[in-house]
Amino acid sequence: MKKLLTTITVSILCLVVMLTSCAETPKHVSGAKFQLEYRMGTRQTMHQSEYIGEKDGKFYLRRKSMPLLYKRKWNEEIWYTEAEELEPSLLKQLRKEAKTFGKPKSVAK
């Protein structure tokens, strides 16, 4: 009976983990929070941030966090903010950075 209960509990926990990890929708954050995380980038211990790009006036950032228990897999979130929430100097820098990322690769025919 105890083994059956353990098996059911583990199965339910696995299902919960799978469902919560698959539901990744971008999270809106303030311009100030976005800017701070962008500037910290990879110079953090338990977090890393990477600018992804711009689409429809929204700027996106990938933020990874190292969990305390299972250190082999990082948790990942996508953050976004609106263009009007960002400082003009950062807005200019992000658009310039996007152009360097967006260079098309040559495709052999």
C-alpha atoms as a PDB file:
ATOM      1  CA  MET A   1       0.000   0.000   0.000  1.00  0.00           C
ATOM      2  CA  LYS A   2       2.831   2.376   0.881  1.00  0.00           C
ATOM      3  CA  LYS A   3       4.558   1.657  -2.451  1.00  0.00           C
ATOM      4  CA  LEU A   4       1.345   2.410  -4.366  1.00  0.00           C
ATOM      5  CA  LEU A   5       0.907   5.702  -2.521  1.00  0.00           C
ATOM      6  CA  THR A   6       4.521   6.677  -3.255  1.00  0.00           C
ATOM      7  CA  THR A   7       4.108   5.828  -6.945  1.00  0.00           C
ATOM      8  CA  ILE A   8       0.931   7.912  -7.205  1.00  0.00           C
ATOM      9  CA  THR A   9       2.545  10.859  -5.402  1.00  0.00           C
ATOM     10  CA  VAL A  10       5.620  10.803  -7.637  1.00  0.00           C
ATOM     11  CA  SER A  11       3.428  10.571 -10.748  1.00  0.00           C
ATOM     12  CA  ILE A  12       1.362  13.561  -9.679  1.00  0.00           C
ATOM     13  CA  LEU A  13       4.477  15.604  -8.906  1.00  0.00           C
ATOM     14  CA  CYS A  14       5.967  14.787 -12.322  1.00  0.00           C
ATOM     15  CA  LEU A  15       2.736  15.842 -14.023  1.00  0.00           C
ATOM     16  CA  VAL A  16       2.661  19.151 -12.123  1.00  0.00           C
ATOM     17  CA  VAL A  17       6.280  19.890 -13.043  1.00  0.00           C
ATOM     18  CA  MET A  18       5.638  19.124 -16.719  1.00  0.00           C
ATOM     19  CA  LEU A  19       2.527  21.303 -16.880  1.00  0.00           C
ATOM     20  CA  THR A  20       4.096  24.289 -15.162  1.00  0.00           C
ATOM     21  CA  SER A  21       7.296  24.169 -17.216  1.00  0.00           C
ATOM     22  CA  CYS A  22       5.456  24.039 -20.556  1.00  0.00           C
ATOM     23  CA  ALA A  23       3.319  27.103 -19.883  1.00  0.00           C
ATOM     24  CA  GLU A  24       5.884  29.729 -20.834  1.00  0.00           C
ATOM     25  CA  THR A  25       4.291  33.030 -21.703  1.00  0.00           C
ATOM     26  CA  PRO A  26       6.345  36.227 -21.714  1.00  0.00           C
ATOM     27  CA  LYS A  27       6.131  38.190 -18.472  1.00  0.00           C
ATOM     28  CA  HIS A  28       5.663  41.958 -18.625  1.00  0.00           C
ATOM     29  CA  VAL A  29       8.094  43.899 -16.413  1.00  0.00           C
ATOM     30  CA  SER A  30       8.662  47.604 -15.916  1.00  0.00           C
ATOM     31  CA  GLY A  31      11.193  49.432 -18.043  1.00  0.00           C
ATOM     32  CA  ALA A  32      13.377  50.041 -14.979  1.00  0.00           C
ATOM     33  CA  LYS A  33      13.434  46.345 -14.043  1.00  0.00           C
ATOM     34  CA  PHE A  34      14.146  45.342 -17.663  1.00  0.00           C
ATOM     35  CA  GLN A  35      16.983  47.863 -17.882  1.00  0.00           C
ATOM     36  CA  LEU A  36      18.571  46.698 -14.614  1.00  0.00           C
ATOM     37  CA  GLU A  37      18.434  43.032 -15.649  1.00  0.00           C
ATOM     38  CA  TYR A  38      19.781  43.830 -19.132  1.00  0.00           C
ATOM     39  CA  ARG A  39      22.742  45.729 -17.701  1.00  0.00           C
ATOM     40  CA  MET A  40      23.542  42.937 -15.199  1.00  0.00           C
ATOM     41  CA  GLY A  41      23.594  40.381 -18.029  1.00  0.00           C
ATOM     42  CA  THR A  42      25.851  37.446 -17.185  1.00  0.00           C
ATOM     43  CA  ARG A  43      27.704  39.188 -14.350  1.00  0.00           C
ATOM     44  CA  GLN A  44      25.395  37.597 -11.783  1.00  0.00           C
ATOM     45  CA  THR A  45      25.878  34.460  -9.720  1.00  0.00           C
ATOM     46  CA  MET A  46      22.484  32.754  -9.785  1.00  0.00           C
ATOM     47  CA  HIS A  47      20.942  34.588 -12.770  1.00  0.00           C
ATOM     48  CA  GLN A  48      21.840  35.295 -16.383  1.00  0.00           C
ATOM     49  CA  SER A  49      20.119  37.616 -18.817  1.00  0.00           C
ATOM     50  CA  GLU A  50      20.309  37.781 -22.586  1.00  0.00           C
ATOM     51  CA  TYR A  51      18.647  40.297 -24.897  1.00  0.00           C
ATOM     52  CA  ILE A  52      16.536  38.496 -27.513  1.00  0.00           C
ATOM     53  CA  GLY A  53      15.169  41.292 -29.683  1.00  0.00           C
ATOM     54  CA  GLU A  54      12.275  43.576 -30.537  1.00  0.00           C
ATOM     55  CA  LYS A  55       8.884  42.808 -32.041  1.00  0.00           C
ATOM     56  CA  ASP A  56       5.886  45.128 -32.375  1.00  0.00           C
ATOM     57  CA  GLY A  57       7.302  47.767 -30.018  1.00  0.00           C
ATOM     58  CA  LYS A  58       8.108  45.243 -27.297  1.00  0.00           C
ATOM     59  CA  PHE A  59      11.641  44.355 -26.225  1.00  0.00           C
ATOM     60  CA  TYR A  60      12.362  40.811 -25.035  1.00  0.00           C
ATOM     61  CA  LEU A  61      14.929  39.415 -22.617  1.00  0.00           C
ATOM     62  CA  ARG A  62      15.670  35.792 -21.681  1.00  0.00           C
ATOM     63  CA  ARG A  63      16.322  35.441 -17.941  1.00  0.00           C
ATOM     64  CA  LYS A  64      17.754  32.229 -16.522  1.00  0.00           C
ATOM     65  CA  SER A  65      17.892  31.352 -12.817  1.00  0.00           C
ATOM     66  CA  MET A  66      19.756  28.525 -11.138  1.00  0.00           C
ATOM     67  CA  PRO A  67      17.475  26.605  -8.781  1.00  0.00           C
ATOM     68  CA  LEU A  68      18.671  25.821  -5.284  1.00  0.00           C
ATOM     69  CA  LEU A  69      17.981  22.080  -5.420  1.00  0.00           C
ATOM     70  CA  TYR A  70      18.462  20.761  -8.968  1.00  0.00           C
ATOM     71  CA  LYS A  71      21.474  22.667 -10.284  1.00  0.00           C
ATOM     72  CA  ARG A  72      21.783  20.860 -13.619  1.00  0.00           C
ATOM     73  CA  LYS A  73      18.804  22.583 -15.239  1.00  0.00           C
ATOM     74  CA  TRP A  74      18.298  26.343 -15.192  1.00  0.00           C
ATOM     75  CA  ASN A  75      14.821  27.854 -14.929  1.00  0.00           C
ATOM     76  CA  GLU A  76      14.048  30.182 -17.817  1.00  0.00           C
ATOM     77  CA  GLU A  77      11.645  33.095 -18.223  1.00  0.00           C
ATOM     78  CA  ILE A  78      11.012  35.502 -21.070  1.00  0.00           C
ATOM     79  CA  TRP A  79      10.560  39.094 -19.951  1.00  0.00           C
ATOM     80  CA  TYR A  80       9.326  41.972 -22.079  1.00  0.00           C
ATOM     81  CA  THR A  81       8.716  45.679 -21.746  1.00  0.00           C
ATOM     82  CA  GLU A  82       7.211  48.361 -23.956  1.00  0.00           C
ATOM     83  CA  ALA A  83       9.420  50.778 -25.903  1.00  0.00           C
ATOM     84  CA  GLU A  84       7.921  53.820 -24.181  1.00  0.00           C
ATOM     85  CA  GLU A  85       8.999  52.464 -20.774  1.00  0.00           C
ATOM     86  CA  LEU A  86      12.696  52.455 -21.721  1.00  0.00           C
ATOM     87  CA  GLU A  87      15.166  55.323 -21.547  1.00  0.00           C
ATOM     88  CA  PRO A  88      15.989  56.753 -25.005  1.00  0.00           C
ATOM     89  CA  SER A  89      19.700  55.876 -24.674  1.00  0.00           C
ATOM     90  CA  LEU A  90      18.923  52.220 -23.858  1.00  0.00           C
ATOM     91  CA  LEU A  91      16.325  52.088 -26.620  1.00  0.00           C
ATOM     92  CA  LYS A  92      18.934  53.239 -29.124  1.00  0.00           C
ATOM     93  CA  GLN A  93      21.472  50.703 -27.806  1.00  0.00           C
ATOM     94  CA  LEU A  94      18.982  47.806 -28.016  1.00  0.00           C
ATOM     95  CA  ARG A  95      18.025  48.649 -31.592  1.00  0.00           C
ATOM     96  CA  LYS A  96      21.700  48.867 -32.561  1.00  0.00           C
ATOM     97  CA  GLU A  97      22.395  45.511 -30.899  1.00  0.00           C
ATOM     98  CA  ALA A  98      19.462  43.930 -32.736  1.00  0.00           C
ATOM     99  CA  LYS A  99      20.974  44.954 -36.073  1.00  0.00           C
ATOM    100  CA  THR A 100      24.226  43.159 -35.262  1.00  0.00           C
ATOM    101  CA  PHE A 101      22.307  39.991 -34.310  1.00  0.00           C
ATOM    102  CA  GLY A 102      20.109  40.140 -37.387  1.00  0.00           C
ATOM    103  CA  LYS A 103      22.765  39.715 -40.062  1.00  0.00           C
ATOM    104  CA  PRO A 104      21.535  36.998 -42.442  1.00  0.00           C
ATOM    105  CA  LYS A 105      23.679  33.935 -42.960  1.00  0.00           C
ATOM    106  CA  SER A 106      24.563  33.041 -46.513  1.00  0.00           C
ATOM    107  CA  VAL A 107      22.807  29.945 -47.734  1.00  0.00           C
ATOM    108  CA  ALA A 108      24.573  27.681 -50.229  1.00  0.00           C
ATOM    109  CA  LYS A 109      22.442  26.674 -53.227  1.00  0.00           C
END
